[in-house]
Amino acid sequence: MAPDATLTWRPRHATDVRLTVARLGRGASDPTHGFAPDGALWRTTLTSDGPASMRISRDGDGALRCQAWGQGADAAVTTAPALLGGDDDPSSFEPGHPVITDAHRRHAGLRIPKTGRVFEALVPAILEQKVITLQATASWRHLVRRYGSVAPGPTPGPMLVVPSPRTWAMIPSWEWHKAGVDPQRSRTVVTAARVADRLEECSQLAPAAAEARLRAVPGIGVWTAAEVAQRALGDADALSVGDYHLANYVGHALYGRDRFSDEDMVQALESWRPHRYRLVRLLQAHGVPGPARRGPRMEFVDHRSR
């Protein structure tokens, strides 16, 4: 099935596709994102022109190619270079620490992606608030499978396109309940869906202004805004303050300290602005271990039984 649009380009920086998009998918069974057996990346998106399926692969000469199907195919291929970090500029990044220096050398192809789709990144980030990842990804799959649309094109398996903001806003309370989403998170998604057009404008704003606009929505705090900025806005400095494990992870990885607060982390990483998120991704990609988890862990809370 011939694609509706194609774009081939050569990145200006070394680009490791898998590493760059590693945090864009929501679990191994995300119906909107995955890799085919031939190594190609498949993603679906809902553009302003309509739905699209994207296949991104590397040619024999090292160039990257995006093929797209659906009404939004032209818009999808236009954003493909940014999706793979084409707008990311790591030139001013100074590792300044032996562990980070090694990670930066070994993972030179790590780029910060920019999908440009703010609301698509926001919904799963809201679902991840104050619950374990396994629970959040299960909720995401349930809702996308229930309300998403069939992806266009010859996808390697059944794939879906995320629901529109209007559809998210109209999901009844009992369906949120079936998906294991509590009223607070579902209310935040619905509220955000009603101002989705304004939120999409964040992709054209400076980072501070984009964060302020996101946080103006009740239920969206600094952590959620950072998670969106890391994916949709390509913000290499967006630090997930308030994460359940991140501060301790950074403290242990860089300083051998196992009781690191958010305040400690922010202070310790100040000299790495505007690349704090890049630093975290390099540590994760390098497999730098965090502290042994001896304390309490976040519990699985089944909201369907409440």
Protein backbone atom coordinates (compact mmCIF):
# COMPACT_ATOMS: atom_id res chain seq x y z
CA MET A 1 0.00 0.00 0.00
CA ALA A 2 1.73 3.13 -1.24
CA PRO A 3 2.21 5.86 1.37
CA ASP A 4 0.28 9.12 1.06
CA ALA A 5 3.38 11.14 1.92
CA THR A 6 7.12 10.46 2.24
CA LEU A 7 10.03 12.45 3.59
CA THR A 8 13.71 11.48 3.61
CA TRP A 9 16.31 13.50 5.51
CA ARG A 10 19.78 13.23 6.99
CA PRO A 11 20.01 14.31 10.65
CA ARG A 12 22.65 16.90 11.50
CA HIS A 13 23.57 14.93 14.64
CA ALA A 14 24.04 11.20 15.18
CA THR A 15 20.59 9.82 15.98
CA ASP A 16 19.72 6.58 17.73
CA VAL A 17 16.05 6.14 16.85
CA ARG A 18 15.19 3.58 19.52
CA LEU A 19 16.93 5.50 22.26
CA THR A 20 15.44 8.83 21.20
CA VAL A 21 11.82 7.63 21.18
CA ALA A 22 12.15 5.21 24.11
CA ARG A 23 9.90 7.25 26.40
CA LEU A 24 7.25 8.13 23.82
CA GLY A 25 5.51 4.76 23.98
CA ARG A 26 3.33 3.90 26.96
CA GLY A 27 4.21 0.31 27.71
CA ALA A 28 5.05 -2.63 25.49
CA SER A 29 1.45 -2.96 24.29
CA ASP A 30 0.79 0.69 23.47
CA PRO A 31 -1.59 0.54 20.45
CA THR A 32 -0.24 3.87 19.15
CA HIS A 33 3.51 3.17 19.17
CA GLY A 34 5.91 0.30 18.55
CA PHE A 35 8.66 -1.27 16.49
CA ALA A 36 8.00 -3.76 13.70
CA PRO A 37 10.03 -6.96 13.31
CA ASP A 38 12.05 -5.26 10.55
CA GLY A 39 13.17 -2.58 13.02
CA ALA A 40 11.00 0.23 11.68
CA LEU A 41 9.27 2.56 14.13
CA TRP A 42 5.50 2.82 13.75
CA ARG A 43 3.54 5.62 15.39
CA THR A 44 0.05 6.96 14.97
CA THR A 45 -1.07 10.52 15.60
CA LEU A 46 -4.11 12.74 15.24
CA THR A 47 -3.00 15.85 13.36
CA SER A 48 -5.07 18.95 12.69
CA ASP A 49 -5.73 17.47 9.23
CA GLY A 50 -6.82 14.07 10.51
CA PRO A 51 -5.34 10.72 11.59
CA ALA A 52 -2.03 9.40 10.33
CA SER A 53 0.19 6.35 10.67
CA MET A 54 3.94 6.88 10.41
CA ARG A 55 6.66 4.38 9.52
CA ILE A 56 10.19 5.59 10.19
CA SER A 57 13.19 3.62 9.00
CA ARG A 58 16.84 4.15 8.15
CA ASP A 59 18.07 3.81 4.58
CA GLY A 60 21.24 1.97 3.70
CA ASP A 61 23.18 5.24 3.43
CA GLY A 62 22.16 6.34 6.92
CA ALA A 63 19.37 8.73 5.94
CA LEU A 64 16.05 8.54 7.79
CA ARG A 65 12.77 8.07 5.97
CA CYS A 66 9.23 8.68 7.15
CA GLN A 67 6.33 7.20 5.21
CA ALA A 68 2.82 8.16 6.28
CA TRP A 69 -0.74 7.14 5.52
CA GLY A 70 -4.06 8.82 6.22
CA GLN A 71 -5.59 12.29 6.05
CA GLY A 72 -2.84 13.68 8.24
CA ALA A 73 0.02 12.12 6.28
CA ASP A 74 1.50 15.39 5.01
CA ALA A 75 1.44 16.95 8.46
CA ALA A 76 2.93 13.80 9.98
CA VAL A 77 5.98 13.63 7.70
CA THR A 78 6.61 17.35 8.22
CA THR A 79 7.01 16.79 11.96
CA ALA A 80 9.07 13.58 11.65
CA PRO A 81 12.54 15.19 11.89
CA ALA A 82 11.59 17.00 15.11
CA LEU A 83 10.08 13.77 16.42
CA LEU A 84 13.54 12.23 16.14
CA GLY A 85 15.31 15.16 17.74
CA GLY A 86 16.01 17.31 14.70
CA ASP A 87 15.34 20.46 16.75
CA ASP A 88 17.48 19.27 19.65
CA ASP A 89 20.81 21.05 20.07
CA PRO A 90 23.19 19.28 22.45
CA SER A 91 26.22 21.36 21.46
CA SER A 92 26.29 23.37 24.71
CA PHE A 93 25.99 20.32 26.95
CA GLU A 94 29.01 19.84 29.23
CA PRO A 95 28.95 16.48 31.07
CA GLY A 96 31.14 17.67 33.94
CA HIS A 97 31.00 14.35 35.80
CA PRO A 98 32.80 11.05 35.03
CA VAL A 99 29.58 9.00 34.92
CA ILE A 100 27.84 11.48 32.64
CA THR A 101 30.91 11.84 30.44
CA ASP A 102 30.97 8.08 29.87
CA ALA A 103 27.22 7.97 29.25
CA HIS A 104 27.40 10.86 26.81
CA ARG A 105 30.22 9.18 24.89
CA ARG A 106 28.51 5.80 24.70
CA HIS A 107 25.07 7.17 23.82
CA ALA A 108 25.98 9.97 21.45
CA GLY A 109 22.85 9.25 19.39
CA LEU A 110 20.43 10.17 22.18
CA ARG A 111 18.30 13.11 21.12
CA ILE A 112 15.38 14.81 22.88
CA PRO A 113 12.25 14.22 20.76
CA LYS A 114 9.58 16.78 19.95
CA THR A 115 6.27 15.35 18.81
CA GLY A 116 4.53 18.74 18.74
CA ARG A 117 1.30 17.06 19.90
CA VAL A 118 0.69 18.50 23.35
CA PHE A 119 -2.66 16.96 24.21
CA GLU A 120 -1.54 13.52 23.01
CA ALA A 121 1.33 13.68 25.50
CA LEU A 122 -0.79 15.21 28.24
CA VAL A 123 -3.47 12.53 28.60
CA PRO A 124 -1.14 9.61 29.42
CA ALA A 125 0.89 11.89 31.70
CA ILE A 126 -2.26 12.66 33.68
CA LEU A 127 -3.08 8.96 33.84
CA GLU A 128 0.37 8.38 35.37
CA GLN A 129 -0.21 10.79 38.24
CA LYS A 130 0.25 9.11 41.63
CA VAL A 131 -0.11 5.53 40.34
CA ILE A 132 2.40 2.88 39.32
CA THR A 133 3.39 2.71 35.66
CA LEU A 134 1.78 -0.69 35.11
CA GLN A 135 -1.57 0.66 36.23
CA ALA A 136 -1.31 3.82 34.12
CA THR A 137 -0.38 1.98 30.92
CA ALA A 138 -3.27 -0.44 31.42
CA SER A 139 -5.66 2.50 31.72
CA TRP A 140 -4.20 4.09 28.59
CA ARG A 141 -4.60 0.89 26.55
CA HIS A 142 -8.17 0.38 27.74
CA LEU A 143 -9.30 3.89 26.84
CA VAL A 144 -7.52 4.07 23.49
CA ARG A 145 -8.89 0.67 22.48
CA ARG A 146 -12.38 1.70 23.55
CA TYR A 147 -12.46 5.17 21.99
CA GLY A 148 -9.62 5.36 19.46
CA SER A 149 -9.99 4.82 15.72
CA VAL A 150 -8.37 2.22 13.47
CA ALA A 151 -5.02 3.45 12.19
CA PRO A 152 -4.73 4.01 8.43
CA GLY A 153 -2.18 2.22 6.29
CA PRO A 154 -0.45 -1.17 6.36
CA THR A 155 0.48 -1.19 10.05
CA PRO A 156 2.44 -4.30 11.12
CA GLY A 157 -0.32 -5.24 13.55
CA PRO A 158 -3.55 -3.74 14.85
CA MET A 159 -2.86 -0.11 15.74
CA LEU A 160 -5.11 2.72 16.81
CA VAL A 161 -5.17 6.51 16.67
CA VAL A 162 -5.83 8.37 19.90
CA PRO A 163 -9.31 9.81 20.47
CA SER A 164 -9.91 13.48 19.71
CA PRO A 165 -10.14 15.96 22.60
CA ARG A 166 -13.89 16.12 22.06
CA THR A 167 -14.13 12.35 22.48
CA TRP A 168 -12.01 12.41 25.65
CA ALA A 169 -14.30 15.09 27.06
CA MET A 170 -17.39 12.95 26.46
CA ILE A 171 -16.20 9.68 28.04
CA PRO A 172 -18.78 8.79 30.71
CA SER A 173 -17.80 8.34 34.33
CA TRP A 174 -18.40 4.58 34.33
CA GLU A 175 -15.90 4.06 31.50
CA TRP A 176 -13.23 5.92 33.44
CA HIS A 177 -14.10 3.66 36.35
CA LYS A 178 -13.71 0.54 34.19
CA ALA A 179 -10.31 1.82 33.10
CA GLY A 180 -9.23 2.16 36.73
CA VAL A 181 -9.02 5.96 36.60
CA ASP A 182 -10.15 7.84 39.70
CA PRO A 183 -12.43 10.92 39.46
CA GLN A 184 -9.61 13.40 40.06
CA ARG A 185 -7.53 12.24 37.09
CA SER A 186 -10.53 11.81 34.79
CA ARG A 187 -11.72 15.30 35.71
CA THR A 188 -8.30 16.70 34.84
CA VAL A 189 -8.34 15.02 31.41
CA VAL A 190 -11.85 16.30 30.67
CA THR A 191 -10.95 19.83 31.78
CA ALA A 192 -7.83 19.82 29.62
CA ALA A 193 -9.75 18.44 26.64
CA ARG A 194 -12.05 21.46 26.72
CA VAL A 195 -9.09 23.81 26.23
CA ALA A 196 -7.03 21.50 24.00
CA ASP A 197 -6.64 24.10 21.25
CA ARG A 198 -5.06 26.53 23.70
CA LEU A 199 -2.78 23.83 25.04
CA GLU A 200 -1.58 22.91 21.55
CA GLU A 201 -0.28 26.47 21.26
CA CYS A 202 2.31 25.58 23.90
CA SER A 203 4.47 24.14 21.12
CA GLN A 204 5.03 27.72 19.92
CA LEU A 205 5.77 29.21 23.36
CA ALA A 206 8.97 29.61 25.35
CA PRO A 207 9.41 26.84 27.96
CA ALA A 208 8.39 28.98 30.95
CA ALA A 209 5.28 30.27 29.19
CA ALA A 210 4.33 26.77 28.04
CA GLU A 211 4.67 25.44 31.59
CA ALA A 212 2.53 28.30 32.94
CA ARG A 213 -0.22 27.60 30.42
CA LEU A 214 -0.24 23.88 31.16
CA ARG A 215 -0.29 24.46 34.92
CA ALA A 216 -3.22 26.84 34.58
CA VAL A 217 -5.39 23.74 34.09
CA PRO A 218 -6.56 22.45 37.47
CA GLY A 219 -4.90 19.13 38.22
CA ILE A 220 -1.76 19.79 36.18
CA GLY A 221 1.30 20.47 38.32
CA VAL A 222 5.01 20.80 37.79
CA TRP A 223 5.57 17.06 37.31
CA THR A 224 2.88 16.62 34.66
CA ALA A 225 3.94 19.77 32.80
CA ALA A 226 7.53 18.50 32.70
CA GLU A 227 6.48 15.09 31.40
CA VAL A 228 4.62 16.79 28.55
CA ALA A 229 7.49 19.16 27.79
CA GLN A 230 9.94 16.25 27.54
CA ARG A 231 7.89 14.59 24.83
CA ALA A 232 5.78 17.15 22.99
CA LEU A 233 7.96 20.25 23.30
CA GLY A 234 11.46 18.81 23.04
CA ASP A 235 12.53 20.54 26.26
CA ALA A 236 15.95 19.16 27.22
CA ASP A 237 15.75 20.92 30.60
CA ALA A 238 12.31 19.74 31.76
CA LEU A 239 13.01 18.09 35.10
CA SER A 240 10.27 15.89 36.60
CA VAL A 241 10.27 17.41 40.07
CA GLY A 242 7.89 15.48 42.30
CA ASP A 243 8.62 12.10 40.77
CA TYR A 244 8.36 9.25 43.26
CA HIS A 245 11.87 7.90 42.54
CA LEU A 246 13.80 10.43 40.47
CA ALA A 247 15.48 12.51 43.20
CA ASN A 248 16.84 9.43 44.98
CA TYR A 249 17.96 7.99 41.65
CA VAL A 250 19.91 11.13 40.73
CA GLY A 251 21.42 11.41 44.20
CA HIS A 252 22.61 7.81 44.17
CA ALA A 253 23.82 7.83 40.56
CA LEU A 254 25.87 11.01 40.83
CA TYR A 255 26.77 11.38 44.49
CA GLY A 256 26.22 8.01 46.16
CA ARG A 257 23.51 9.50 48.36
CA ASP A 258 20.34 7.50 48.93
CA ARG A 259 18.19 10.12 50.63
CA PHE A 260 17.97 12.91 48.11
CA SER A 261 15.00 15.28 48.20
CA ASP A 262 13.54 17.19 45.26
CA GLU A 263 15.19 20.32 46.66
CA ASP A 264 18.53 18.51 46.77
CA MET A 265 18.11 17.37 43.17
CA VAL A 266 17.18 20.81 41.86
CA GLN A 267 20.15 22.38 43.61
CA ALA A 268 22.57 19.67 42.50
CA LEU A 269 21.55 19.91 38.83
CA GLU A 270 21.49 23.69 38.63
CA SER A 271 24.83 23.87 36.82
CA TRP A 272 23.51 21.60 34.06
CA ARG A 273 20.77 23.96 32.90
CA PRO A 274 19.40 23.89 30.18
CA HIS A 275 20.14 20.17 29.86
CA ARG A 276 18.85 18.65 33.11
CA TYR A 277 16.44 16.27 31.41
CA ARG A 278 19.15 15.26 28.94
CA LEU A 279 21.35 14.35 31.92
CA VAL A 280 18.61 12.16 33.40
CA ARG A 281 18.02 10.39 30.08
CA LEU A 282 21.74 9.74 29.68
CA LEU A 283 21.92 8.17 33.14
CA GLN A 284 18.90 5.98 32.34
CA ALA A 285 20.17 4.99 28.90
CA HIS A 286 23.55 4.11 30.38
CA GLY A 287 21.88 1.78 32.88
CA VAL A 288 23.29 3.64 35.90
CA PRO A 289 21.65 1.92 38.88
CA GLY A 290 19.67 3.71 41.53
CA PRO A 291 19.56 2.89 45.24
CA ALA A 292 18.26 -0.43 46.51
CA ARG A 293 14.57 0.02 47.27
CA ARG A 294 14.25 -0.86 50.92
CA GLY A 295 11.57 1.64 51.83
CA PRO A 296 7.86 1.71 50.98
CA ARG A 297 6.90 1.40 47.34
CA MET A 298 3.96 3.01 45.63
CA GLU A 299 1.01 0.65 45.97
CA PHE A 300 -1.29 -0.60 43.25
CA VAL A 301 -4.66 1.03 43.94
CA ASP A 302 -7.55 -0.55 42.07
CA HIS A 303 -9.96 2.34 41.58
CA ARG A 304 -12.46 0.02 39.93
CA SER A 305 -13.32 -1.39 43.35
CA ARG A 306 -14.05 2.03 44.82
